[in-house]
Every structure is written in C-alpha cells, then in structure tokens.
Amino acid sequence: MKKLKRKNLAVKVVLKVVKSTFILIYLTLIVGLIAGGFSAGILTMLPDEASKPCYLGYYAHCSFTPYSTLILFAMAMVGTILLIRLARYFKRQYKNSYKSRSIVPALMIK
C-alpha cells in the first residue's frame, strides 16, 4: 500500500513539473508573438529604400505596408487574447490556494 502511495505521489510530482514546463514554454511563445507582432508591424511602416512604393504611396520597409501591418497587429492581438486566457486560467486554478486576509483586524487597537 505504501509503495502505491509513493508511486502515485511520484507521478503527481512528475506531472506537475511537466505541466509547469509546458506552461512556461507556452507563455514564452505568447510573449514572443506579442512582442514580435507589434515590433514587426511598426518596422513595416518605416520609410526605407525599396524597389516599389507601398500602397500608401511612399517607399516603406515593406511594399505591402498597410496590409502587412494589420496582419502583424492582428497576430499580436491574438497573442494578447491568449495571454489573457492564460491569466484567467491561473486565477481560477489557484483561487482557493491563496486566500487573502484583511489587514483591518490586525490594525485594530484594543
């Protein structure tokens, strides 16, 4: 019976480590998606030497400037939505683990 409990505990610990590793990788990819989308979207609008003018009429870093910028900003917004969903997941998951206590009773003078 004790071996079974130890084995179940070991499996739970391993699953927690794997889950936290995947969450860390997921979070890193989401932050990279957000940062990359916004920075690349801004970089596409910068004036630069190009073979053709962009659709807005000037020589930009990207010749498909308004469309590529919108696509990159949409990618960043998708990343932001995924980050908000991950934060809500953590809030639901650990809501009962950390109960906040009021400071008011501790500050009351008797």
C-alpha atoms as a PDB file:
ATOM      1  CA  MET A   1       0.000   0.000   0.000  1.00  0.00           C
ATOM      2  CA  LYS A   2       2.839   2.400   0.854  1.00  0.00           C
ATOM      3  CA  LYS A   3       4.573   1.667  -2.450  1.00  0.00           C
ATOM      4  CA  LEU A   4       1.397   2.518  -4.321  1.00  0.00           C
ATOM      5  CA  LYS A   5       1.060   5.835  -2.475  1.00  0.00           C
ATOM      6  CA  ARG A   6       4.697   6.685  -3.172  1.00  0.00           C
ATOM      7  CA  LYS A   7       4.272   5.809  -6.828  1.00  0.00           C
ATOM      8  CA  ASN A   8       1.130   7.956  -7.115  1.00  0.00           C
ATOM      9  CA  LEU A   9       2.935  10.817  -5.396  1.00  0.00           C
ATOM     10  CA  ALA A  10       5.886  10.479  -7.762  1.00  0.00           C
ATOM     11  CA  VAL A  11       3.567  10.507 -10.772  1.00  0.00           C
ATOM     12  CA  LYS A  12       1.798  13.612  -9.464  1.00  0.00           C
ATOM     13  CA  VAL A  13       5.126  15.402  -8.946  1.00  0.00           C
ATOM     14  CA  VAL A  14       6.323  14.492 -12.437  1.00  0.00           C
ATOM     15  CA  LEU A  15       3.028  15.647 -13.962  1.00  0.00           C
ATOM     16  CA  LYS A  16       3.261  18.961 -12.112  1.00  0.00           C
ATOM     17  CA  VAL A  17       6.794  19.520 -13.389  1.00  0.00           C
ATOM     18  CA  VAL A  18       5.811  18.657 -16.964  1.00  0.00           C
ATOM     19  CA  LYS A  19       2.718  20.871 -16.767  1.00  0.00           C
ATOM     20  CA  SER A  20       4.680  23.831 -15.419  1.00  0.00           C
ATOM     21  CA  THR A  21       7.327  23.349 -18.117  1.00  0.00           C
ATOM     22  CA  PHE A  22       4.722  23.385 -20.872  1.00  0.00           C
ATOM     23  CA  ILE A  23       3.072  26.450 -19.354  1.00  0.00           C
ATOM     24  CA  LEU A  24       6.441  28.233 -19.285  1.00  0.00           C
ATOM     25  CA  ILE A  25       7.078  27.344 -22.933  1.00  0.00           C
ATOM     26  CA  TYR A  26       3.528  28.454 -23.850  1.00  0.00           C
ATOM     27  CA  LEU A  27       3.993  31.740 -22.006  1.00  0.00           C
ATOM     28  CA  THR A  28       7.331  32.359 -23.729  1.00  0.00           C
ATOM     29  CA  LEU A  29       5.800  31.752 -27.151  1.00  0.00           C
ATOM     30  CA  ILE A  30       2.865  34.039 -26.412  1.00  0.00           C
ATOM     31  CA  VAL A  31       5.094  36.887 -25.223  1.00  0.00           C
ATOM     32  CA  GLY A  32       7.288  36.394 -28.294  1.00  0.00           C
ATOM     33  CA  LEU A  33       4.210  36.514 -30.526  1.00  0.00           C
ATOM     34  CA  ILE A  34       3.039  39.759 -28.926  1.00  0.00           C
ATOM     35  CA  ALA A  35       6.436  41.470 -28.964  1.00  0.00           C
ATOM     36  CA  GLY A  36       7.296  40.230 -32.441  1.00  0.00           C
ATOM     37  CA  GLY A  37       3.943  41.186 -33.912  1.00  0.00           C
ATOM     38  CA  PHE A  38       3.942  44.727 -32.588  1.00  0.00           C
ATOM     39  CA  SER A  39       7.600  45.432 -33.333  1.00  0.00           C
ATOM     40  CA  ALA A  40       7.458  43.952 -36.847  1.00  0.00           C
ATOM     41  CA  GLY A  41       4.207  45.833 -37.511  1.00  0.00           C
ATOM     42  CA  ILE A  42       5.886  49.098 -36.625  1.00  0.00           C
ATOM     43  CA  LEU A  43       9.002  48.231 -38.643  1.00  0.00           C
ATOM     44  CA  THR A  44       6.961  47.625 -41.799  1.00  0.00           C
ATOM     45  CA  MET A  45       5.721  51.210 -41.742  1.00  0.00           C
ATOM     46  CA  LEU A  46       9.156  52.847 -41.527  1.00  0.00           C
ATOM     47  CA  PRO A  47      10.399  54.623 -44.658  1.00  0.00           C
ATOM     48  CA  ASP A  48      13.235  52.789 -46.381  1.00  0.00           C
ATOM     49  CA  GLU A  49      14.770  52.219 -49.793  1.00  0.00           C
ATOM     50  CA  ALA A  50      12.640  49.763 -51.738  1.00  0.00           C
ATOM     51  CA  SER A  51      12.100  48.702 -55.320  1.00  0.00           C
ATOM     52  CA  LYS A  52       8.411  49.706 -55.333  1.00  0.00           C
ATOM     53  CA  PRO A  53       6.371  52.218 -53.358  1.00  0.00           C
ATOM     54  CA  CYS A  54       3.943  50.819 -50.842  1.00  0.00           C
ATOM     55  CA  TYR A  55       0.165  51.068 -51.177  1.00  0.00           C
ATOM     56  CA  LEU A  56       0.214  54.304 -49.174  1.00  0.00           C
ATOM     57  CA  GLY A  57       2.428  55.953 -51.796  1.00  0.00           C
ATOM     58  CA  TYR A  58       5.855  56.154 -50.131  1.00  0.00           C
ATOM     59  CA  TYR A  59       8.851  53.823 -50.161  1.00  0.00           C
ATOM     60  CA  ALA A  60       8.448  51.833 -46.973  1.00  0.00           C
ATOM     61  CA  HIS A  61      10.364  48.938 -45.468  1.00  0.00           C
ATOM     62  CA  CYS A  62       7.639  46.621 -46.768  1.00  0.00           C
ATOM     63  CA  SER A  63       5.868  47.250 -50.080  1.00  0.00           C
ATOM     64  CA  PHE A  64       2.622  45.768 -48.672  1.00  0.00           C
ATOM     65  CA  THR A  65       2.668  48.208 -45.763  1.00  0.00           C
ATOM     66  CA  PRO A  66      -0.925  48.758 -44.670  1.00  0.00           C
ATOM     67  CA  TYR A  67      -1.908  45.109 -45.111  1.00  0.00           C
ATOM     68  CA  SER A  68       1.189  43.545 -43.586  1.00  0.00           C
ATOM     69  CA  THR A  69       0.971  45.938 -40.648  1.00  0.00           C
ATOM     70  CA  LEU A  70      -2.644  44.984 -39.990  1.00  0.00           C
ATOM     71  CA  ILE A  71      -1.813  41.273 -40.228  1.00  0.00           C
ATOM     72  CA  LEU A  72       1.078  41.632 -37.765  1.00  0.00           C
ATOM     73  CA  PHE A  73      -1.018  43.693 -35.341  1.00  0.00           C
ATOM     74  CA  ALA A  74      -3.767  41.045 -35.566  1.00  0.00           C
ATOM     75  CA  MET A  75      -1.168  38.394 -34.691  1.00  0.00           C
ATOM     76  CA  ALA A  76      -0.152  40.440 -31.663  1.00  0.00           C
ATOM     77  CA  MET A  77      -3.797  40.811 -30.619  1.00  0.00           C
ATOM     78  CA  VAL A  78      -4.284  37.034 -30.850  1.00  0.00           C
ATOM     79  CA  GLY A  79      -1.256  36.657 -28.583  1.00  0.00           C
ATOM     80  CA  THR A  80      -2.732  39.179 -26.158  1.00  0.00           C
ATOM     81  CA  ILE A  81      -6.031  37.283 -26.067  1.00  0.00           C
ATOM     82  CA  LEU A  82      -4.176  34.024 -25.394  1.00  0.00           C
ATOM     83  CA  LEU A  83      -2.219  35.706 -22.592  1.00  0.00           C
ATOM     84  CA  ILE A  84      -5.441  36.973 -21.001  1.00  0.00           C
ATOM     85  CA  ARG A  85      -6.944  33.470 -21.204  1.00  0.00           C
ATOM     86  CA  LEU A  86      -3.828  32.023 -19.560  1.00  0.00           C
ATOM     87  CA  ALA A  87      -4.053  34.594 -16.761  1.00  0.00           C
ATOM     88  CA  ARG A  88      -7.726  33.712 -16.201  1.00  0.00           C
ATOM     89  CA  TYR A  89      -6.811  30.027 -16.095  1.00  0.00           C
ATOM     90  CA  PHE A  90      -4.230  30.703 -13.381  1.00  0.00           C
ATOM     91  CA  LYS A  91      -6.686  32.828 -11.459  1.00  0.00           C
ATOM     92  CA  ARG A  92      -9.273  30.024 -11.464  1.00  0.00           C
ATOM     93  CA  GLN A  93      -6.696  27.328 -10.784  1.00  0.00           C
ATOM     94  CA  TYR A  94      -5.104  28.957  -7.765  1.00  0.00           C
ATOM     95  CA  LYS A  95      -8.084  30.886  -6.401  1.00  0.00           C
ATOM     96  CA  ASN A  96      -8.517  28.645  -3.376  1.00  0.00           C
ATOM     97  CA  SER A  97      -4.785  28.171  -2.775  1.00  0.00           C
ATOM     98  CA  TYR A  98      -4.073  31.749  -1.788  1.00  0.00           C
ATOM     99  CA  LYS A  99      -6.793  33.312   0.326  1.00  0.00           C
ATOM    100  CA  SER A 100      -6.229  36.956   1.013  1.00  0.00           C
ATOM    101  CA  ARG A 101      -6.674  38.146   4.531  1.00  0.00           C
ATOM    102  CA  SER A 102      -7.894  41.536   5.550  1.00  0.00           C
ATOM    103  CA  ILE A 103      -5.437  43.891   7.229  1.00  0.00           C
ATOM    104  CA  VAL A 104      -8.164  45.706   9.156  1.00  0.00           C
ATOM    105  CA  PRO A 105      -8.424  43.238  12.106  1.00  0.00           C
ATOM    106  CA  ALA A 106      -4.668  43.334  12.535  1.00  0.00           C
ATOM    107  CA  LEU A 107      -4.664  47.128  12.672  1.00  0.00           C
ATOM    108  CA  MET A 108      -7.473  47.441  15.198  1.00  0.00           C
ATOM    109  CA  ILE A 109      -6.304  48.666  18.582  1.00  0.00           C
ATOM    110  CA  LYS A 110      -7.932  47.110  21.584  1.00  0.00           C
END
